[in-house]
Amino acid sequence: MKKFEQAKRLLKSLDDYRNTNDFSDEMISAVSADFDRLFELTWKFIKEYMKDTLMIKAAATGSPRDILKLAYREGLIDDEDEWIDMLKDRNDDTHLYNQGVAILYVSRINDRYIPKIRDCIDNFKELIPEEELLEKRLNETFFESWKKSGLTMDDFVEKIRLEKGYATKREVLDNWD
């Protein structure tokens, strides 16, 4: 399950943030953005597991809140209230304009939410077989070609897509050699 593997990787990245007392705007932004992605991946891999492995029809559709409530009823997560708080905070983080409030949010991420997600991921390690995530990195020729083109990166990739006859821009990136 790719979302599960990506969540495990992102959790490791967030652990690095937890060991710092840096509350600069940049760090707050980084922690918040990475946590948003981690939360998104987590509820989606839970949804996918319930739908595909447990064959729970109700998991096929539903908001994150519905999925979390269902996961709690199925015993896949504990402390439903904490997960709902996590969802509310994640939804409200785009409205954080006050640095003090943002620092409190980051502290909740570090102190409450990351440990809760870690426990969830640890529990799912027993349920979901490990899958190798192939990570393809673009080589330097891509960046050199793009810089020489004088185009924005998006325009450059679109130009190559059309030249090579690819259906999507991702194919350009996946097939770059």
Foldseek 3Di string as FASTA:
>chain_A
DVLLVVLVVLLVVLVVLLPDPDLDPVSLVVNLVSLLSNLVSLLVVLLVCCCPPVVDPVSVDDDSLSSLVVCCVVVLAPDSVLNVVSVVLNVCVVVDPDSVVSVVSSVCCSPPVSVRSVVSSVVCCVVDPDDDDDDDDADVVLVVVVVVVPDDSVVVLVVVCVVVVPPDSVVCRVPPD
